[in-house]
Amino acid sequence: MVPEEPAARILMVEDDAVIREATQLTLERHGYDVTTAEDGLEAIESFEKIHPDAVMLDIMLPGLDGISVCRRIRETSTVPIVMVSARGDALDVVLGLEAGADDYVTKPFDTQVLVARLRAVLRRAVSDPERPAQASGATVESFGDLELDREALEVRRAGTTVQLTPTELKLLIEFANNPGVVLSRSTLLQRVWDYEWGGDGRLVDVHLQRLRTKIGADRIETVRGFGYKLRA
């Protein structure tokens, strides 16, 4: 008999008790192991204690806000983070993504949408860029001074390892799979974020901004009106 895989550990940070308890029950019904926190400082303590597989993080928190918590987590970890915005404010969303979040949902949210977002970021996290390099036979592709090691899931720029989040790594791999090919926002949303339709183009724009900062601003070219492509 094959043993069951352990449930993914979710750290949910939400100061509203009603939303927190209802969402926890929903996620647990879907098989997740959920730990909750009510504010930013408790979130940091819980994160360091349980090392979750993903974080659901409200932006508006008492004391240390969600943006600050996200930045603190990103100082040491590439764990997937889904931000929750109460207002759906464009500035909140962009600040959350720039701080290092992988995706976001807005309140009031459909629990099925939330579960789908968590499943998607957890799937991307399976390919962890911090995983140690495997033995010989690694396939390394070079794009100027940029190297992509597909076996080790590592990226190096001028010989120095570049730390990417799972979402950033998957985004780079998608471009590497299509060198010189223009990829639209909708195509990237579908292939990287698993959006079956629609989606927010800001996800692509902000993640590309973060990726360009790490691998070189000129490595990914904008083709106005069409999308983006990786320079050969």
Protein backbone atom coordinates (compact mmCIF):
# COMPACT_ATOMS: atom_id res chain seq x y z
CA MET A 1 0.00 0.00 0.00
CA VAL A 2 1.47 3.34 -1.08
CA PRO A 3 1.64 5.82 1.81
CA GLU A 4 -0.25 9.08 1.34
CA GLU A 5 1.76 12.23 0.75
CA PRO A 6 1.76 14.62 3.71
CA ALA A 7 -0.71 17.48 3.47
CA ALA A 8 0.74 20.78 2.25
CA ARG A 9 1.28 23.18 5.14
CA ILE A 10 -0.42 26.55 4.66
CA LEU A 11 0.24 29.58 6.86
CA MET A 12 -2.84 31.81 6.68
CA VAL A 13 -2.41 35.34 8.03
CA GLU A 14 -5.75 37.11 8.54
CA ASP A 15 -6.86 39.49 11.30
CA ASP A 16 -10.61 39.09 10.73
CA ALA A 17 -11.66 36.17 12.97
CA VAL A 18 -14.76 35.26 10.92
CA ILE A 19 -12.87 35.16 7.61
CA ARG A 20 -9.92 33.37 9.21
CA GLU A 21 -11.98 30.58 10.75
CA ALA A 22 -14.22 30.07 7.73
CA THR A 23 -11.29 29.98 5.31
CA GLN A 24 -9.33 27.63 7.55
CA LEU A 25 -12.22 25.16 7.58
CA THR A 26 -12.53 25.37 3.80
CA LEU A 27 -8.81 24.76 3.21
CA GLU A 28 -8.77 21.87 5.67
CA ARG A 29 -11.70 20.28 3.84
CA HIS A 30 -9.52 20.40 0.72
CA GLY A 31 -6.80 18.48 2.53
CA TYR A 32 -4.45 21.26 3.64
CA ASP A 33 -2.75 21.49 7.02
CA VAL A 34 -3.52 25.08 8.06
CA THR A 35 -1.82 27.22 10.70
CA THR A 36 -3.26 30.68 11.31
CA ALA A 37 -1.85 33.98 12.51
CA GLU A 38 -3.71 37.17 13.42
CA ASP A 39 -1.04 39.81 12.81
CA GLY A 40 2.30 40.40 11.14
CA LEU A 41 4.56 39.62 14.09
CA GLU A 42 2.74 36.36 14.81
CA ALA A 43 3.05 35.54 11.10
CA ILE A 44 6.84 35.89 11.19
CA GLU A 45 7.09 33.74 14.33
CA SER A 46 4.83 31.04 12.85
CA PHE A 47 6.68 31.07 9.55
CA GLU A 48 10.03 30.47 11.24
CA LYS A 49 8.51 27.73 13.39
CA ILE A 50 6.54 25.63 10.90
CA HIS A 51 8.29 26.37 7.56
CA PRO A 52 5.06 26.27 5.53
CA ASP A 53 4.75 25.13 1.92
CA ALA A 54 2.78 28.27 1.04
CA VAL A 55 1.59 31.48 2.70
CA MET A 56 -1.79 33.18 2.34
CA LEU A 57 -1.10 36.73 3.48
CA ASP A 58 -3.59 39.57 4.00
CA ILE A 59 -2.20 42.99 3.08
CA MET A 60 -4.07 44.96 5.76
CA LEU A 61 -2.79 43.69 9.13
CA PRO A 62 -2.43 45.37 12.51
CA GLY A 63 1.11 46.33 13.42
CA LEU A 64 3.41 44.85 10.80
CA ASP A 65 1.44 44.94 7.53
CA GLY A 66 1.35 42.23 4.89
CA ILE A 67 3.74 44.04 2.56
CA SER A 68 6.39 44.18 5.30
CA VAL A 69 5.80 40.53 6.22
CA CYS A 70 6.22 39.54 2.58
CA ARG A 71 9.51 41.41 2.33
CA ARG A 72 10.76 39.79 5.55
CA ILE A 73 9.93 36.32 4.25
CA ARG A 74 11.61 37.01 0.91
CA GLU A 75 14.87 37.87 2.69
CA THR A 76 15.36 34.17 3.44
CA SER A 77 12.83 32.12 1.49
CA THR A 78 11.27 31.57 -1.94
CA VAL A 79 8.12 29.98 -0.46
CA PRO A 80 5.00 30.71 -2.56
CA ILE A 81 2.97 33.66 -1.28
CA VAL A 82 -0.61 34.53 -2.24
CA MET A 83 -1.54 38.05 -1.13
CA VAL A 84 -5.10 38.96 -0.14
CA SER A 85 -6.32 42.51 -0.75
CA ALA A 86 -9.53 43.71 0.90
CA ARG A 87 -10.06 46.65 -1.42
CA GLY A 88 -8.78 45.30 -4.71
CA ASP A 89 -6.83 48.54 -4.89
CA ALA A 90 -4.38 48.60 -7.78
CA LEU A 91 -1.62 50.07 -5.62
CA ASP A 92 -2.06 47.37 -2.96
CA VAL A 93 -1.82 44.67 -5.60
CA VAL A 94 1.29 46.10 -7.25
CA LEU A 95 3.04 46.70 -3.91
CA GLY A 96 2.31 43.12 -2.88
CA LEU A 97 3.70 41.71 -6.11
CA GLU A 98 6.75 43.97 -6.00
CA ALA A 99 7.41 42.80 -2.43
CA GLY A 100 7.69 39.25 -3.75
CA ALA A 101 4.17 37.74 -3.81
CA ASP A 102 3.48 35.15 -6.50
CA ASP A 103 -0.24 35.79 -6.95
CA TYR A 104 -3.15 37.55 -5.28
CA VAL A 105 -6.89 37.33 -4.60
CA THR A 106 -9.28 40.11 -3.55
CA LYS A 107 -11.95 40.07 -0.86
CA PRO A 108 -14.63 38.93 -0.92
CA PHE A 109 -13.06 35.94 -2.67
CA ASP A 110 -14.56 32.75 -4.01
CA THR A 111 -13.04 29.91 -1.98
CA GLN A 112 -12.74 27.79 -5.12
CA VAL A 113 -10.65 30.55 -6.70
CA LEU A 114 -8.45 30.70 -3.61
CA VAL A 115 -7.93 26.93 -3.60
CA ALA A 116 -7.07 27.03 -7.32
CA ARG A 117 -4.49 29.78 -6.70
CA LEU A 118 -2.90 27.81 -3.86
CA ARG A 119 -2.76 24.64 -5.94
CA ALA A 120 -1.10 26.53 -8.78
CA VAL A 121 1.62 28.12 -6.63
CA LEU A 122 2.27 24.80 -4.89
CA ARG A 123 2.72 23.08 -8.27
CA ARG A 124 5.26 25.71 -9.28
CA ALA A 125 7.07 25.27 -5.97
CA VAL A 126 7.75 21.60 -6.74
CA SER A 127 10.52 22.88 -9.01
CA ASP A 128 12.53 24.54 -6.26
CA PRO A 129 15.45 26.64 -7.59
CA GLU A 130 17.25 26.17 -4.28
CA ARG A 131 17.38 22.39 -4.73
CA PRO A 132 21.01 21.10 -4.72
CA ALA A 133 22.55 20.35 -8.10
CA GLN A 134 22.12 16.78 -9.20
CA ALA A 135 24.91 14.52 -10.33
CA SER A 136 26.52 14.64 -13.75
CA GLY A 137 24.57 15.05 -16.96
CA ALA A 138 22.99 18.41 -16.18
CA THR A 139 21.75 20.26 -19.21
CA VAL A 140 23.03 23.83 -19.21
CA GLU A 141 21.83 26.43 -21.69
CA SER A 142 23.61 29.74 -22.18
CA PHE A 143 22.11 33.08 -23.16
CA GLY A 144 25.04 35.45 -23.17
CA ASP A 145 26.36 35.61 -19.60
CA LEU A 146 23.19 33.89 -18.35
CA GLU A 147 23.18 30.13 -17.72
CA LEU A 148 20.11 27.98 -17.05
CA ASP A 149 20.85 24.58 -15.52
CA ARG A 150 17.65 22.60 -16.03
CA GLU A 151 18.77 19.55 -14.05
CA ALA A 152 19.88 21.48 -10.97
CA LEU A 153 17.17 24.12 -11.49
CA GLU A 154 19.78 26.82 -11.04
CA VAL A 155 20.37 30.11 -12.81
CA ARG A 156 23.79 31.76 -12.98
CA ARG A 157 24.71 35.20 -14.24
CA ALA A 158 28.39 35.71 -15.04
CA GLY A 159 29.11 32.62 -12.92
CA THR A 160 27.19 33.86 -9.87
CA THR A 161 24.06 32.00 -8.75
CA VAL A 162 20.87 34.03 -9.05
CA GLN A 163 18.15 33.25 -6.50
CA LEU A 164 14.76 33.12 -8.19
CA THR A 165 11.36 32.30 -6.74
CA PRO A 166 9.60 29.27 -8.28
CA THR A 167 7.36 31.61 -10.28
CA GLU A 168 10.32 33.61 -11.60
CA LEU A 169 12.14 30.40 -12.50
CA LYS A 170 9.14 29.00 -14.35
CA LEU A 171 8.78 32.31 -16.19
CA LEU A 172 12.42 32.19 -17.29
CA ILE A 173 12.11 28.54 -18.34
CA GLU A 174 9.08 29.42 -20.47
CA PHE A 175 11.15 32.03 -22.31
CA ALA A 176 14.07 29.60 -22.60
CA ASN A 177 11.72 27.05 -24.18
CA ASN A 178 10.87 29.65 -26.82
CA PRO A 179 14.04 31.67 -27.51
CA GLY A 180 13.37 34.62 -29.80
CA VAL A 181 9.63 33.90 -29.82
CA VAL A 182 7.27 36.67 -28.70
CA LEU A 183 5.04 35.50 -25.83
CA SER A 184 1.93 37.51 -24.99
CA ARG A 185 0.72 38.27 -21.47
CA SER A 186 -2.22 35.90 -21.91
CA THR A 187 0.09 33.10 -23.03
CA LEU A 188 2.35 33.61 -20.01
CA LEU A 189 -0.63 33.77 -17.64
CA GLN A 190 -1.82 30.45 -18.99
CA ARG A 191 1.52 28.64 -19.01
CA VAL A 192 3.13 30.06 -15.86
CA TRP A 193 0.18 30.91 -13.58
CA ASP A 194 -2.22 28.23 -14.88
CA TYR A 195 -4.93 30.77 -15.64
CA GLU A 196 -7.35 29.06 -17.99
CA TRP A 197 -8.86 32.36 -19.10
CA GLY A 198 -8.46 36.05 -18.42
CA GLY A 199 -6.13 37.01 -15.63
CA ASP A 200 -4.36 40.17 -14.54
CA GLY A 201 -1.57 41.35 -16.83
CA ARG A 202 0.05 43.06 -13.85
CA LEU A 203 1.15 39.64 -12.64
CA VAL A 204 3.26 39.30 -15.77
CA ASP A 205 4.54 42.88 -15.78
CA VAL A 206 5.67 42.94 -12.14
CA HIS A 207 7.26 39.49 -12.24
CA LEU A 208 9.11 40.42 -15.41
CA GLN A 209 10.35 43.56 -13.72
CA ARG A 210 11.67 41.48 -10.81
CA LEU A 211 13.18 38.90 -13.16
CA ARG A 212 14.91 41.55 -15.27
CA THR A 213 16.43 43.08 -12.14
CA LYS A 214 18.00 39.72 -11.31
CA ILE A 215 19.15 38.48 -14.74
CA GLY A 216 19.76 41.77 -16.57
CA ALA A 217 17.32 44.37 -17.83
CA ASP A 218 18.18 43.78 -21.49
CA ARG A 219 17.82 40.00 -21.40
CA ILE A 220 14.05 40.05 -21.98
CA GLU A 221 12.85 42.39 -24.70
CA THR A 222 9.46 44.12 -24.80
CA VAL A 223 7.73 43.94 -28.18
CA ARG A 224 5.15 46.69 -27.89
CA GLY A 225 1.61 45.63 -28.57
CA PHE A 226 2.51 41.92 -28.68
CA GLY A 227 4.41 40.75 -25.59
CA TYR A 228 7.96 39.77 -24.62
CA LYS A 229 10.78 37.61 -25.88
CA LEU A 230 14.12 36.30 -24.63
CA ARG A 231 17.11 37.68 -26.50
CA ALA A 232 19.21 34.88 -27.92
